[in-house]
Amino acid sequence: MIFRSMKTSVKLTSGQEKLAMRISYSLVHWQRRLAMKMNTTINSLPAQQLKFWLFLVCLLGGGTCIYLIVTSLFFT
């Protein structure tokens, strides 16, 4: 089995639970704000510029993946 189930469960006190909820709500709030800002920025780009940035992101992501595969195969 790849993942083992957790044998002991950790019980949180009400204060810890409230703090965890506040942290999670705060993270979701900032994630949504960033997503809305990125959405307005992307929507204002012309199609030609949008294609360029999409190409650049795909090129960088693909190049990074190829680099990681090659280094793990040949340099370990």
Protein backbone atom coordinates (compact mmCIF):
# COMPACT_ATOMS: atom_id res chain seq x y z
CA MET A 1 0.00 0.00 0.00
CA ILE A 2 1.43 3.37 -0.98
CA PHE A 3 -0.30 5.52 1.62
CA ARG A 4 -0.82 4.26 5.13
CA SER A 5 -3.76 5.43 7.13
CA MET A 6 -3.00 7.53 10.15
CA LYS A 7 -3.22 5.34 13.25
CA THR A 8 -3.59 8.12 15.78
CA SER A 9 -5.86 11.04 15.18
CA VAL A 10 -4.99 14.38 16.69
CA LYS A 11 -7.80 16.02 18.61
CA LEU A 12 -7.85 19.79 18.44
CA THR A 13 -9.11 22.01 21.19
CA SER A 14 -11.74 24.59 20.34
CA GLY A 15 -9.12 27.37 20.39
CA GLN A 16 -6.86 25.46 18.01
CA GLU A 17 -9.79 24.71 15.75
CA LYS A 18 -10.83 28.38 15.66
CA LEU A 19 -7.27 29.40 14.84
CA ALA A 20 -7.04 26.81 12.07
CA MET A 21 -10.34 28.03 10.59
CA ARG A 22 -9.18 31.67 10.69
CA ILE A 23 -5.93 30.75 8.95
CA SER A 24 -7.70 28.71 6.28
CA TYR A 25 -10.31 31.44 5.65
CA SER A 26 -7.54 34.02 5.38
CA LEU A 27 -5.60 31.91 2.87
CA VAL A 28 -8.71 31.33 0.75
CA HIS A 29 -9.52 35.06 0.90
CA TRP A 30 -6.06 36.04 -0.39
CA GLN A 31 -6.15 33.30 -3.00
CA ARG A 32 -9.45 34.64 -4.35
CA ARG A 33 -8.14 38.22 -4.38
CA LEU A 34 -5.06 37.13 -6.33
CA ALA A 35 -7.21 35.12 -8.75
CA MET A 36 -9.50 38.12 -9.39
CA LYS A 37 -6.52 40.42 -9.97
CA MET A 38 -4.90 37.94 -12.35
CA ASN A 39 -8.22 37.48 -14.16
CA THR A 40 -8.65 41.22 -14.74
CA THR A 41 -5.03 41.50 -15.92
CA ILE A 42 -5.35 38.59 -18.34
CA ASN A 43 -8.71 39.78 -19.68
CA SER A 44 -7.23 43.16 -20.57
CA LEU A 45 -4.46 41.66 -22.74
CA PRO A 46 -4.83 41.58 -26.52
CA ALA A 47 -4.97 38.15 -28.16
CA GLN A 48 -1.47 38.41 -29.68
CA GLN A 49 0.11 39.26 -26.33
CA LEU A 50 -1.89 36.54 -24.60
CA LYS A 51 -0.58 33.96 -27.08
CA PHE A 52 2.97 35.15 -26.50
CA TRP A 53 2.71 34.80 -22.70
CA LEU A 54 1.02 31.42 -23.01
CA PHE A 55 3.83 30.23 -25.30
CA LEU A 56 6.46 31.56 -22.91
CA VAL A 57 4.91 29.88 -19.85
CA CYS A 58 4.57 26.56 -21.71
CA LEU A 59 8.16 26.81 -22.96
CA LEU A 60 9.51 27.51 -19.48
CA GLY A 61 7.42 24.77 -17.87
CA GLY A 62 8.31 22.20 -20.50
CA GLY A 63 11.98 23.15 -20.43
CA THR A 64 12.06 22.80 -16.66
CA CYS A 65 10.44 19.36 -16.84
CA ILE A 66 12.88 18.18 -19.50
CA TYR A 67 15.79 19.52 -17.45
CA LEU A 68 14.61 17.69 -14.33
CA ILE A 69 14.10 14.41 -16.23
CA VAL A 70 17.51 14.58 -17.91
CA THR A 71 19.36 15.45 -14.71
CA SER A 72 17.62 12.68 -12.78
CA LEU A 73 18.42 10.10 -15.47
CA PHE A 74 22.00 10.98 -16.31
CA PHE A 75 23.48 12.82 -13.32
CA THR A 76 22.50 10.70 -10.33
